Amino acid sequence: MIALAIIFIILKILNIITWFWWLVLLPLFIYIAIWLLEVIVVAILAWLGYNAMLNKLTPERIIFYGKVPKQCRGNIIQIQSFGSKLNEAVLNGW
C-alpha cells in the first residue's frame, strides 16, 4: 500500500514536471529562438539596405552622428553626437 502511494506521488510529480515543460519552458524556448532569428534577419536586412543605398546613390560623403558601425564603408565623416558628449562628461566624473 505504501509502495502504491509512493508510485502515485512520483507519477504526480512527473505529471507536474511534464505540464511545466509543455506550458512554460517550451514556449519560452520557442520565443527566445524566434527573437534571436529576428535579430539576425534584421541585421542582415540592415546591411543589405545599406549596401543597396550606397550602390544606388553613390554618395561622395556619408555623415554619421555618434558611433560609426564597423561594417560601414565609404567616405565617412564622423560628427560627435550630443549624447556622446554627455556620456564622456559622466565617465569623467562630472
C-alpha atoms as a PDB file:
ATOM      1  CA  MET A   1       0.000   0.000   0.000  1.00  0.00           C
ATOM      2  CA  ILE A   2       2.815   2.401   0.879  1.00  0.00           C
ATOM      3  CA  ALA A   3       4.602   1.456  -2.360  1.00  0.00           C
ATOM      4  CA  LEU A   4       1.491   2.354  -4.348  1.00  0.00           C
ATOM      5  CA  ALA A   5       1.285   5.709  -2.595  1.00  0.00           C
ATOM      6  CA  ILE A   6       4.934   6.425  -3.386  1.00  0.00           C
ATOM      7  CA  ILE A   7       4.419   5.453  -7.042  1.00  0.00           C
ATOM      8  CA  PHE A   8       1.317   7.655  -7.175  1.00  0.00           C
ATOM      9  CA  ILE A   9       3.256  10.624  -5.726  1.00  0.00           C
ATOM     10  CA  ILE A  10       6.120  10.085  -8.188  1.00  0.00           C
ATOM     11  CA  LEU A  11       3.670   9.959 -11.105  1.00  0.00           C
ATOM     12  CA  LYS A  12       2.011  13.170  -9.913  1.00  0.00           C
ATOM     13  CA  ILE A  13       5.388  14.906  -9.687  1.00  0.00           C
ATOM     14  CA  LEU A  14       6.321  13.701 -13.167  1.00  0.00           C
ATOM     15  CA  ASN A  15       2.961  14.901 -14.452  1.00  0.00           C
ATOM     16  CA  ILE A  16       3.571  18.361 -12.968  1.00  0.00           C
ATOM     17  CA  ILE A  17       7.069  18.469 -14.492  1.00  0.00           C
ATOM     18  CA  THR A  18       5.654  17.439 -17.878  1.00  0.00           C
ATOM     19  CA  TRP A  19       2.997  20.137 -17.789  1.00  0.00           C
ATOM     20  CA  PHE A  20       5.599  22.678 -16.696  1.00  0.00           C
ATOM     21  CA  TRP A  21       7.713  21.713 -19.715  1.00  0.00           C
ATOM     22  CA  TRP A  22       4.837  21.974 -22.206  1.00  0.00           C
ATOM     23  CA  LEU A  23       3.203  25.111 -20.778  1.00  0.00           C
ATOM     24  CA  VAL A  24       6.198  27.150 -19.590  1.00  0.00           C
ATOM     25  CA  LEU A  25       9.603  26.031 -20.799  1.00  0.00           C
ATOM     26  CA  LEU A  26       8.861  25.017 -24.382  1.00  0.00           C
ATOM     27  CA  PRO A  27       7.032  28.272 -25.272  1.00  0.00           C
ATOM     28  CA  LEU A  28       9.848  30.210 -23.618  1.00  0.00           C
ATOM     29  CA  PHE A  29      12.496  28.399 -25.683  1.00  0.00           C
ATOM     30  CA  ILE A  30      10.464  28.924 -28.860  1.00  0.00           C
ATOM     31  CA  TYR A  31      10.062  32.640 -28.054  1.00  0.00           C
ATOM     32  CA  ILE A  32      13.819  33.042 -27.485  1.00  0.00           C
ATOM     33  CA  ALA A  33      14.655  31.162 -30.699  1.00  0.00           C
ATOM     34  CA  ILE A  34      12.274  33.324 -32.759  1.00  0.00           C
ATOM     35  CA  TRP A  35      13.638  36.500 -31.147  1.00  0.00           C
ATOM     36  CA  LEU A  36      17.228  35.512 -31.992  1.00  0.00           C
ATOM     37  CA  LEU A  37      16.203  34.722 -35.552  1.00  0.00           C
ATOM     38  CA  GLU A  38      14.531  38.138 -35.847  1.00  0.00           C
ATOM     39  CA  VAL A  39      17.666  39.873 -34.583  1.00  0.00           C
ATOM     40  CA  ILE A  40      19.795  38.080 -37.175  1.00  0.00           C
ATOM     41  CA  VAL A  41      17.340  38.798 -40.007  1.00  0.00           C
ATOM     42  CA  VAL A  42      17.098  42.488 -39.080  1.00  0.00           C
ATOM     43  CA  ALA A  43      20.896  42.806 -39.013  1.00  0.00           C
ATOM     44  CA  ILE A  44      21.185  41.156 -42.434  1.00  0.00           C
ATOM     45  CA  LEU A  45      18.421  43.323 -43.901  1.00  0.00           C
ATOM     46  CA  ALA A  46      20.026  46.485 -42.494  1.00  0.00           C
ATOM     47  CA  TRP A  47      23.365  45.523 -44.031  1.00  0.00           C
ATOM     48  CA  LEU A  48      21.766  44.735 -47.397  1.00  0.00           C
ATOM     49  CA  GLY A  49      19.838  48.013 -47.284  1.00  0.00           C
ATOM     50  CA  TYR A  50      22.991  49.992 -46.531  1.00  0.00           C
ATOM     51  CA  ASN A  51      24.822  48.378 -49.445  1.00  0.00           C
ATOM     52  CA  ALA A  52      21.852  48.931 -51.780  1.00  0.00           C
ATOM     53  CA  MET A  53      21.752  52.594 -50.752  1.00  0.00           C
ATOM     54  CA  LEU A  54      25.469  53.010 -51.482  1.00  0.00           C
ATOM     55  CA  ASN A  55      25.154  51.324 -54.857  1.00  0.00           C
ATOM     56  CA  LYS A  56      22.085  53.331 -55.876  1.00  0.00           C
ATOM     57  CA  LEU A  57      23.038  56.775 -54.584  1.00  0.00           C
ATOM     58  CA  THR A  58      26.854  56.633 -54.862  1.00  0.00           C
ATOM     59  CA  PRO A  59      27.366  59.387 -52.248  1.00  0.00           C
ATOM     60  CA  GLU A  60      30.576  61.393 -52.088  1.00  0.00           C
ATOM     61  CA  ARG A  61      30.430  61.588 -48.307  1.00  0.00           C
ATOM     62  CA  ILE A  62      28.438  59.856 -45.574  1.00  0.00           C
ATOM     63  CA  ILE A  63      27.770  61.752 -42.356  1.00  0.00           C
ATOM     64  CA  PHE A  64      27.445  59.727 -39.168  1.00  0.00           C
ATOM     65  CA  TYR A  65      26.355  61.219 -35.875  1.00  0.00           C
ATOM     66  CA  GLY A  66      27.866  59.309 -32.986  1.00  0.00           C
ATOM     67  CA  LYS A  67      29.424  55.874 -33.269  1.00  0.00           C
ATOM     68  CA  VAL A  68      30.192  54.547 -36.757  1.00  0.00           C
ATOM     69  CA  PRO A  69      29.440  50.824 -37.190  1.00  0.00           C
ATOM     70  CA  LYS A  70      32.424  48.701 -38.259  1.00  0.00           C
ATOM     71  CA  GLN A  71      30.604  47.349 -41.326  1.00  0.00           C
ATOM     72  CA  CYS A  72      30.065  50.768 -42.893  1.00  0.00           C
ATOM     73  CA  ARG A  73      32.259  51.726 -45.797  1.00  0.00           C
ATOM     74  CA  GLY A  74      32.698  54.798 -47.940  1.00  0.00           C
ATOM     75  CA  ASN A  75      33.919  58.327 -47.346  1.00  0.00           C
ATOM     76  CA  ILE A  76      32.613  58.619 -43.778  1.00  0.00           C
ATOM     77  CA  ILE A  77      32.563  61.878 -41.840  1.00  0.00           C
ATOM     78  CA  GLN A  78      32.002  61.308 -38.145  1.00  0.00           C
ATOM     79  CA  ILE A  79      30.315  64.009 -36.092  1.00  0.00           C
ATOM     80  CA  GLN A  80      30.207  63.667 -32.352  1.00  0.00           C
ATOM     81  CA  SER A  81      26.610  63.489 -31.113  1.00  0.00           C
ATOM     82  CA  PHE A  82      25.252  65.414 -28.149  1.00  0.00           C
ATOM     83  CA  GLY A  83      24.651  62.174 -26.253  1.00  0.00           C
ATOM     84  CA  SER A  84      28.256  61.074 -26.611  1.00  0.00           C
ATOM     85  CA  LYS A  85      29.404  64.390 -25.113  1.00  0.00           C
ATOM     86  CA  LEU A  86      27.143  63.764 -22.110  1.00  0.00           C
ATOM     87  CA  ASN A  87      28.457  60.225 -21.838  1.00  0.00           C
ATOM     88  CA  GLU A  88      32.049  61.457 -21.753  1.00  0.00           C
ATOM     89  CA  ALA A  89      31.140  64.004 -19.057  1.00  0.00           C
ATOM     90  CA  VAL A  90      29.557  61.295 -16.919  1.00  0.00           C
ATOM     91  CA  LEU A  91      32.520  58.967 -17.400  1.00  0.00           C
ATOM     92  CA  ASN A  92      34.949  61.743 -16.426  1.00  0.00           C
ATOM     93  CA  GLY A  93      33.106  62.205 -13.134  1.00  0.00           C
ATOM     94  CA  TRP A  94      31.261  65.394 -13.916  1.00  0.00           C
END
